[in-house]
C-alpha atoms as a PDB file:
ATOM      1  CA  MET A   1     -44.428  16.585 -43.675  1.00  0.00           C
ATOM      2  CA  SER A   2     -45.059  16.707 -39.673  1.00  0.00           C
ATOM      3  CA  GLU A   3     -41.494  17.736 -37.683  1.00  0.00           C
ATOM      4  CA  GLU A   4     -42.198  16.445 -34.113  1.00  0.00           C
ATOM      5  CA  VAL A   5     -40.233  18.069 -31.468  1.00  0.00           C
ATOM      6  CA  LYS A   6     -38.102  16.205 -28.962  1.00  0.00           C
ATOM      7  CA  SER A   7     -37.260  16.951 -25.600  1.00  0.00           C
ATOM      8  CA  THR A   8     -33.246  17.058 -25.287  1.00  0.00           C
ATOM      9  CA  GLU A   9     -32.735  15.881 -21.571  1.00  0.00           C
ATOM     10  CA  ALA A  10     -32.260  12.350 -20.441  1.00  0.00           C
ATOM     11  CA  PRO A  11     -34.832  10.582 -18.675  1.00  0.00           C
ATOM     12  CA  ALA A  12     -33.626  10.679 -15.595  1.00  0.00           C
ATOM     13  CA  GLU A  13     -32.794  14.686 -15.759  1.00  0.00           C
ATOM     14  CA  ALA A  14     -36.534  15.265 -16.630  1.00  0.00           C
ATOM     15  CA  GLU A  15     -37.691  12.837 -13.781  1.00  0.00           C
ATOM     16  CA  ALA A  16     -35.078  15.055 -10.836  1.00  0.00           C
ATOM     17  CA  LYS A  17     -36.574  18.443 -12.305  1.00  0.00           C
ATOM     18  CA  THR A  18     -40.212  16.885 -11.419  1.00  0.00           C
ATOM     19  CA  ASN A  19     -39.099  15.251  -8.335  1.00  0.00           C
ATOM     20  CA  THR A  20     -37.760  17.913  -6.403  1.00  0.00           C
ATOM     21  CA  ASP A  21     -38.692  15.375  -3.000  1.00  0.00           C
ATOM     22  CA  ALA A  22     -36.703  12.900  -3.866  1.00  0.00           C
ATOM     23  CA  PRO A  23     -33.079  13.393  -2.441  1.00  0.00           C
ATOM     24  CA  ALA A  24     -29.993  13.611  -5.920  1.00  0.00           C
ATOM     25  CA  GLN A  25     -28.577  10.012  -6.630  1.00  0.00           C
ATOM     26  CA  GLY A  26     -25.124   8.951  -5.205  1.00  0.00           C
ATOM     27  CA  VAL A  27     -25.463  11.879  -2.708  1.00  0.00           C
ATOM     28  CA  PRO A  28     -24.796  10.475   0.710  1.00  0.00           C
ATOM     29  CA  ALA A  29     -28.152  11.035   3.403  1.00  0.00           C
ATOM     30  CA  GLY A  30     -26.667  12.642   5.599  1.00  0.00           C
ATOM     31  CA  GLY A  31     -23.207  13.414   7.292  1.00  0.00           C
ATOM     32  CA  PRO A  32     -20.144  14.480   6.321  1.00  0.00           C
ATOM     33  CA  VAL A  33     -18.778  13.501   2.691  1.00  0.00           C
ATOM     34  CA  PRO A  34     -15.298  12.638   3.553  1.00  0.00           C
ATOM     35  CA  ALA A  35     -12.936  14.165   0.948  1.00  0.00           C
ATOM     36  CA  PRO A  36     -11.335  12.314  -2.250  1.00  0.00           C
ATOM     37  CA  GLY A  37      -7.775  11.082  -1.165  1.00  0.00           C
ATOM     38  CA  SER A  38      -8.562  11.701   2.850  1.00  0.00           C
ATOM     39  CA  GLU A  39      -9.603   7.641   3.212  1.00  0.00           C
ATOM     40  CA  GLN A  40      -6.508   5.949   5.381  1.00  0.00           C
ATOM     41  CA  LYS A  41      -4.175   3.248   4.205  1.00  0.00           C
ATOM     42  CA  ALA A  42      -3.023   0.828   6.141  1.00  0.00           C
ATOM     43  CA  ALA A  43       1.269   1.066   6.052  1.00  0.00           C
ATOM     44  CA  PRO A  44       2.511  -0.996   4.544  1.00  0.00           C
ATOM     45  CA  ASP A  45       3.971  -4.679   6.336  1.00  0.00           C
ATOM     46  CA  LEU A  46       7.629  -4.821   6.458  1.00  0.00           C
ATOM     47  CA  ASN A  47       9.308  -6.234   9.732  1.00  0.00           C
ATOM     48  CA  ILE A  48      12.532  -8.060  10.236  1.00  0.00           C
ATOM     49  CA  SER A  49      11.795 -11.442   9.919  1.00  0.00           C
ATOM     50  CA  ASP A  50      11.095 -10.623   6.304  1.00  0.00           C
ATOM     51  CA  LEU A  51      14.237  -8.979   5.552  1.00  0.00           C
ATOM     52  CA  ASN A  52      15.752 -11.946   7.264  1.00  0.00           C
ATOM     53  CA  ALA A  53      13.873 -13.910   4.900  1.00  0.00           C
ATOM     54  CA  VAL A  54      14.754 -11.818   1.588  1.00  0.00           C
ATOM     55  CA  LYS A  55      19.040 -12.377   2.628  1.00  0.00           C
ATOM     56  CA  SER A  56      18.197 -16.168   3.104  1.00  0.00           C
ATOM     57  CA  ILE A  57      16.088 -15.940  -0.710  1.00  0.00           C
ATOM     58  CA  ILE A  58      19.370 -14.586  -1.907  1.00  0.00           C
ATOM     59  CA  ASP A  59      21.739 -16.879  -0.213  1.00  0.00           C
ATOM     60  CA  ILE A  60      19.417 -19.909  -1.397  1.00  0.00           C
ATOM     61  CA  ALA A  61      19.015 -18.937  -5.262  1.00  0.00           C
ATOM     62  CA  THR A  62      22.618 -17.380  -5.448  1.00  0.00           C
ATOM     63  CA  THR A  63      23.646 -20.806  -4.512  1.00  0.00           C
ATOM     64  CA  ARG A  64      21.700 -22.543  -7.156  1.00  0.00           C
ATOM     65  CA  GLY A  65      22.693 -20.327  -9.598  1.00  0.00           C
ATOM     66  CA  ALA A  66      19.864 -18.364 -10.274  1.00  0.00           C
ATOM     67  CA  PHE A  67      22.113 -14.985 -10.727  1.00  0.00           C
ATOM     68  CA  LYS A  68      23.961 -14.295 -14.301  1.00  0.00           C
ATOM     69  CA  ALA A  69      27.897 -13.943 -13.369  1.00  0.00           C
ATOM     70  CA  ASN A  70      27.384 -10.098 -14.631  1.00  0.00           C
ATOM     71  CA  GLU A  71      24.574  -9.947 -11.999  1.00  0.00           C
ATOM     72  CA  LEU A  72      26.671 -11.107  -8.702  1.00  0.00           C
ATOM     73  CA  GLU A  73      28.230  -7.621  -7.440  1.00  0.00           C
ATOM     74  CA  ALA A  74      24.435  -6.373  -7.442  1.00  0.00           C
ATOM     75  CA  VAL A  75      23.137  -9.270  -6.098  1.00  0.00           C
ATOM     76  CA  GLY A  76      26.800  -9.652  -3.571  1.00  0.00           C
ATOM     77  CA  LYS A  77      26.148  -5.426  -2.531  1.00  0.00           C
ATOM     78  CA  THR A  78      22.965  -6.225  -1.771  1.00  0.00           C
ATOM     79  CA  TYR A  79      22.863  -8.927   0.352  1.00  0.00           C
ATOM     80  CA  ASN A  80      26.297  -7.444   2.512  1.00  0.00           C
ATOM     81  CA  LYS A  81      23.548  -4.155   3.426  1.00  0.00           C
ATOM     82  CA  LEU A  82      21.560  -6.076   4.355  1.00  0.00           C
ATOM     83  CA  THR A  83      23.551  -8.733   6.631  1.00  0.00           C
ATOM     84  CA  MET A  84      24.891  -4.532   8.002  1.00  0.00           C
ATOM     85  CA  PHE A  85      21.461  -3.913   8.062  1.00  0.00           C
ATOM     86  CA  LEU A  86      20.506  -6.675  10.366  1.00  0.00           C
ATOM     87  CA  GLU A  87      23.453  -7.272  12.716  1.00  0.00           C
ATOM     88  CA  HIS A  88      22.822  -3.434  13.528  1.00  0.00           C
ATOM     89  CA  VAL A  89      19.021  -4.023  14.704  1.00  0.00           C
ATOM     90  CA  SER A  90      19.586  -7.370  15.598  1.00  0.00           C
ATOM     91  CA  LYS A  91      22.534  -5.517  18.343  1.00  0.00           C
ATOM     92  CA  GLN A  92      20.134  -2.398  18.913  1.00  0.00           C
ATOM     93  CA  GLN A  93      17.749  -4.579  20.620  1.00  0.00           C
ATOM     94  CA  GLN A  94      20.040  -6.759  22.849  1.00  0.00           C
ATOM     95  CA  GLU A  95      20.912  -3.334  24.167  1.00  0.00           C
ATOM     96  CA  GLN A  96      17.799  -2.694  25.293  1.00  0.00           C
ATOM     97  CA  GLN A  97      16.647  -5.354  26.395  1.00  0.00           C
ATOM     98  CA  ALA A  98      19.675  -4.802  29.125  1.00  0.00           C
ATOM     99  CA  GLN A  99      18.645  -1.550  29.704  1.00  0.00           C
ATOM    100  CA  GLY A 100      15.370  -2.949  30.054  1.00  0.00           C
ATOM    101  CA  ASN A 101      16.700  -6.146  32.210  1.00  0.00           C
ATOM    102  CA  ASN A 102      18.761  -3.296  34.737  1.00  0.00           C
ATOM    103  CA  ASN A 103      15.562  -1.478  34.955  1.00  0.00           C
ATOM    104  CA  GLY A 104      13.287  -3.807  35.915  1.00  0.00           C
END
């Protein structure tokens, strides 16, 4: 019986060794290579009008009976916190506008 000696290299590896003039696959041709995780991600887009919409959604859902009785306390507390926050922001915006009108 004759035994054949088989190469343990994959065809792509063997080709890469024989063709040294070709650039390696998956490597950019030029320029700096960005570090992993260095891509800039867009900041989440949430604004005051979105929070007002959430407040309205909570109000509508409560009116329609979407929450169980034992959940209403947490929903009410969250709604009150949201309302206080939105009122605070509204007062700040009004004060800034008043200051801007006095300076202008």
